[in-house]
Amino acid sequence: MPDETEAMRARLPLRVMTVLGMFAAVVVLASAVVLAVSWPTTPQRSPALPIRLYAYDPATAHLADLPQERFRQGQIPVATIDEGVAGAVAEEPARASWYDAFGHRTNSVDLPDLNDLRARPLPLSATSAVPAGTYQFVLFTVRGNRAEEVLAWIHVKIER
């Protein structure tokens, strides 16, 4: 009988390892199922809006006739959207803002819907010319007082 006892003792670690291995396999399988079921889906986002930039004269509140990509010192960029584009996006409250290279807001407006940006383009500065440098125009939807979705983000460089 001593041989039987020794054989059982030799099999005990093998049985414990087998049970632990099966338990680990069940845990890994259950984790994979939970991960597959709860993995977040990619949200459906609208495409970025095509923003048009024009030179703006604050004295006359007049826009240049043609859109521009480059600006010289003394020119003030103004941002707007093309006609017909705003209707393609859900009419949600939005905010249009200009920022300088340090992240300070230079001009901003709350828009009840995007058609207002076409009707009233937003200049980088409503009062005077700005120094040469890099600026950003950001258009995003808001819910409450929180940014919800960025619709457009444009970098603009004003050269000397």
Protein backbone atom coordinates (compact mmCIF):
# COMPACT_ATOMS: atom_id res chain seq x y z
CA MET A 1 0.00 0.00 0.00
CA PRO A 2 2.80 2.48 0.50
CA ASP A 3 3.19 2.59 -3.27
CA GLU A 4 -0.41 3.75 -3.65
CA THR A 5 0.05 6.56 -1.13
CA GLU A 6 3.20 7.75 -2.84
CA ALA A 7 1.44 7.66 -6.21
CA MET A 8 -1.43 9.76 -4.79
CA ARG A 9 1.04 12.25 -3.35
CA ALA A 10 2.76 12.49 -6.69
CA ARG A 11 -0.58 13.09 -8.48
CA LEU A 12 -1.83 15.70 -5.99
CA PRO A 13 0.31 18.59 -7.35
CA LEU A 14 -0.67 17.57 -10.87
CA ARG A 15 -4.37 17.67 -9.96
CA VAL A 16 -4.01 21.03 -8.16
CA MET A 17 -2.21 22.51 -11.19
CA THR A 18 -4.88 21.12 -13.52
CA VAL A 19 -7.70 22.64 -11.45
CA LEU A 20 -5.89 25.99 -11.21
CA GLY A 21 -5.22 25.92 -14.97
CA MET A 22 -8.90 25.28 -15.72
CA PHE A 23 -9.90 28.08 -13.35
CA ALA A 24 -7.44 30.45 -15.06
CA ALA A 25 -8.79 29.47 -18.50
CA VAL A 26 -12.37 30.19 -17.34
CA VAL A 27 -11.31 33.59 -15.94
CA VAL A 28 -9.49 34.52 -19.17
CA LEU A 29 -12.44 33.42 -21.31
CA ALA A 30 -14.94 35.33 -19.13
CA SER A 31 -12.72 38.45 -19.25
CA ALA A 32 -12.53 38.25 -23.03
CA VAL A 33 -16.33 37.99 -23.27
CA VAL A 34 -16.84 40.95 -20.92
CA LEU A 35 -14.28 43.00 -22.85
CA ALA A 36 -15.88 42.18 -26.20
CA VAL A 37 -19.35 43.08 -24.96
CA SER A 38 -18.38 46.28 -23.14
CA TRP A 39 -15.75 47.65 -25.57
CA PRO A 40 -16.82 51.20 -26.53
CA THR A 41 -17.90 51.68 -30.10
CA THR A 42 -16.49 54.43 -32.26
CA PRO A 43 -18.85 57.40 -32.11
CA GLN A 44 -20.31 58.62 -35.38
CA ARG A 45 -18.84 62.06 -35.89
CA SER A 46 -19.64 64.59 -38.50
CA PRO A 47 -16.80 65.50 -40.86
CA ALA A 48 -14.79 68.64 -40.12
CA LEU A 49 -16.43 71.73 -41.51
CA PRO A 50 -14.64 73.59 -44.29
CA ILE A 51 -13.84 76.95 -42.73
CA ARG A 52 -13.05 79.86 -45.05
CA LEU A 53 -10.73 82.65 -43.95
CA TYR A 54 -10.92 86.17 -45.33
CA ALA A 55 -9.08 89.41 -44.55
CA TYR A 56 -11.22 91.72 -42.38
CA ASP A 57 -11.19 95.51 -42.10
CA PRO A 58 -12.52 96.50 -38.64
CA ALA A 59 -13.02 100.16 -39.66
CA THR A 60 -15.53 99.28 -42.37
CA ALA A 61 -16.49 95.75 -41.17
CA HIS A 62 -15.81 94.62 -44.74
CA LEU A 63 -14.47 91.21 -45.81
CA ALA A 64 -12.09 90.69 -48.72
CA ASP A 65 -13.68 89.23 -51.84
CA LEU A 66 -11.58 86.04 -51.98
CA PRO A 67 -10.65 83.59 -49.23
CA GLN A 68 -7.01 83.55 -48.14
CA GLU A 69 -4.68 80.98 -46.63
CA ARG A 70 -1.84 83.39 -45.77
CA PHE A 71 -2.04 86.69 -43.94
CA ARG A 72 0.43 89.53 -43.51
CA GLN A 73 0.94 91.62 -40.41
CA GLY A 74 -1.78 94.26 -40.28
CA GLN A 75 -4.41 91.95 -41.79
CA ILE A 76 -7.07 90.48 -39.53
CA PRO A 77 -8.35 87.02 -40.46
CA VAL A 78 -12.09 86.39 -40.16
CA ALA A 79 -13.61 82.88 -40.16
CA THR A 80 -16.85 81.79 -41.79
CA ILE A 81 -18.38 78.70 -43.38
CA ASP A 82 -19.71 78.18 -46.88
CA GLU A 83 -23.39 78.51 -47.61
CA GLY A 84 -25.21 75.18 -47.46
CA VAL A 85 -22.61 73.55 -45.22
CA ALA A 86 -24.22 74.60 -41.95
CA GLY A 87 -27.51 72.95 -42.87
CA ALA A 88 -25.74 69.59 -43.20
CA VAL A 89 -24.84 69.67 -39.49
CA ALA A 90 -27.38 69.29 -36.73
CA GLU A 91 -28.54 72.63 -35.42
CA GLU A 92 -26.89 72.57 -32.01
CA PRO A 93 -25.50 75.47 -30.02
CA ALA A 94 -21.88 76.06 -30.92
CA ARG A 95 -19.00 78.29 -29.89
CA ALA A 96 -16.45 79.81 -32.24
CA SER A 97 -13.19 80.99 -30.67
CA TRP A 98 -9.85 82.42 -31.73
CA TYR A 99 -6.74 81.67 -29.62
CA ASP A 100 -3.20 83.05 -29.75
CA ALA A 101 -0.02 80.94 -29.52
CA PHE A 102 -0.19 80.98 -25.71
CA GLY A 103 -3.74 79.65 -25.60
CA HIS A 104 -5.35 82.96 -24.65
CA ARG A 105 -8.72 83.57 -26.26
CA THR A 106 -8.66 86.68 -28.43
CA ASN A 107 -12.28 86.60 -29.62
CA SER A 108 -15.22 84.27 -29.11
CA VAL A 109 -18.92 84.07 -29.81
CA ASP A 110 -21.71 81.68 -28.86
CA LEU A 111 -23.78 80.60 -31.84
CA PRO A 112 -27.37 79.35 -31.48
CA ASP A 113 -26.69 77.37 -34.68
CA LEU A 114 -23.95 77.24 -37.30
CA ASN A 115 -25.80 79.42 -39.80
CA ASP A 116 -24.98 82.37 -37.53
CA LEU A 117 -21.27 81.97 -38.31
CA ARG A 118 -22.04 82.40 -42.00
CA ALA A 119 -24.27 85.40 -41.32
CA ARG A 120 -21.79 87.01 -38.91
CA PRO A 121 -18.17 85.84 -39.52
CA LEU A 122 -15.88 85.95 -36.49
CA PRO A 123 -12.70 88.06 -36.77
CA LEU A 124 -9.52 87.22 -34.87
CA SER A 125 -9.78 90.66 -33.28
CA ALA A 126 -12.74 93.00 -33.54
CA THR A 127 -10.82 96.08 -32.41
CA SER A 128 -7.35 96.23 -33.95
CA ALA A 129 -4.67 94.44 -35.92
CA VAL A 130 -2.84 91.65 -34.13
CA PRO A 131 0.91 90.99 -34.07
CA ALA A 132 2.54 88.44 -36.34
CA GLY A 133 2.35 84.92 -34.97
CA THR A 134 0.38 81.71 -34.96
CA TYR A 135 -3.31 81.65 -34.08
CA GLN A 136 -5.99 79.00 -33.96
CA PHE A 137 -9.66 79.08 -34.83
CA VAL A 138 -11.78 76.43 -33.10
CA LEU A 139 -15.45 75.72 -33.74
CA PHE A 140 -17.17 73.27 -31.39
CA THR A 141 -20.63 72.31 -30.23
CA VAL A 142 -21.51 72.96 -26.60
CA ARG A 143 -23.84 71.22 -24.22
CA GLY A 144 -24.40 73.13 -21.01
CA ASN A 145 -21.15 75.04 -20.68
CA ARG A 146 -18.96 72.15 -21.86
CA ALA A 147 -17.35 71.51 -25.24
CA GLU A 148 -19.05 68.52 -26.83
CA GLU A 149 -17.54 68.01 -30.30
CA VAL A 150 -14.89 69.90 -32.28
CA LEU A 151 -16.28 70.68 -35.72
CA ALA A 152 -13.27 72.58 -37.08
CA TRP A 153 -9.78 73.51 -35.89
CA ILE A 154 -7.57 75.66 -38.06
CA HIS A 155 -4.06 77.03 -37.55
CA VAL A 156 -3.42 80.46 -39.07
CA LYS A 157 -0.05 82.14 -39.36
CA ILE A 158 0.24 85.90 -39.68
CA GLU A 159 3.59 86.69 -41.26
CA ARG A 160 5.70 89.81 -40.86
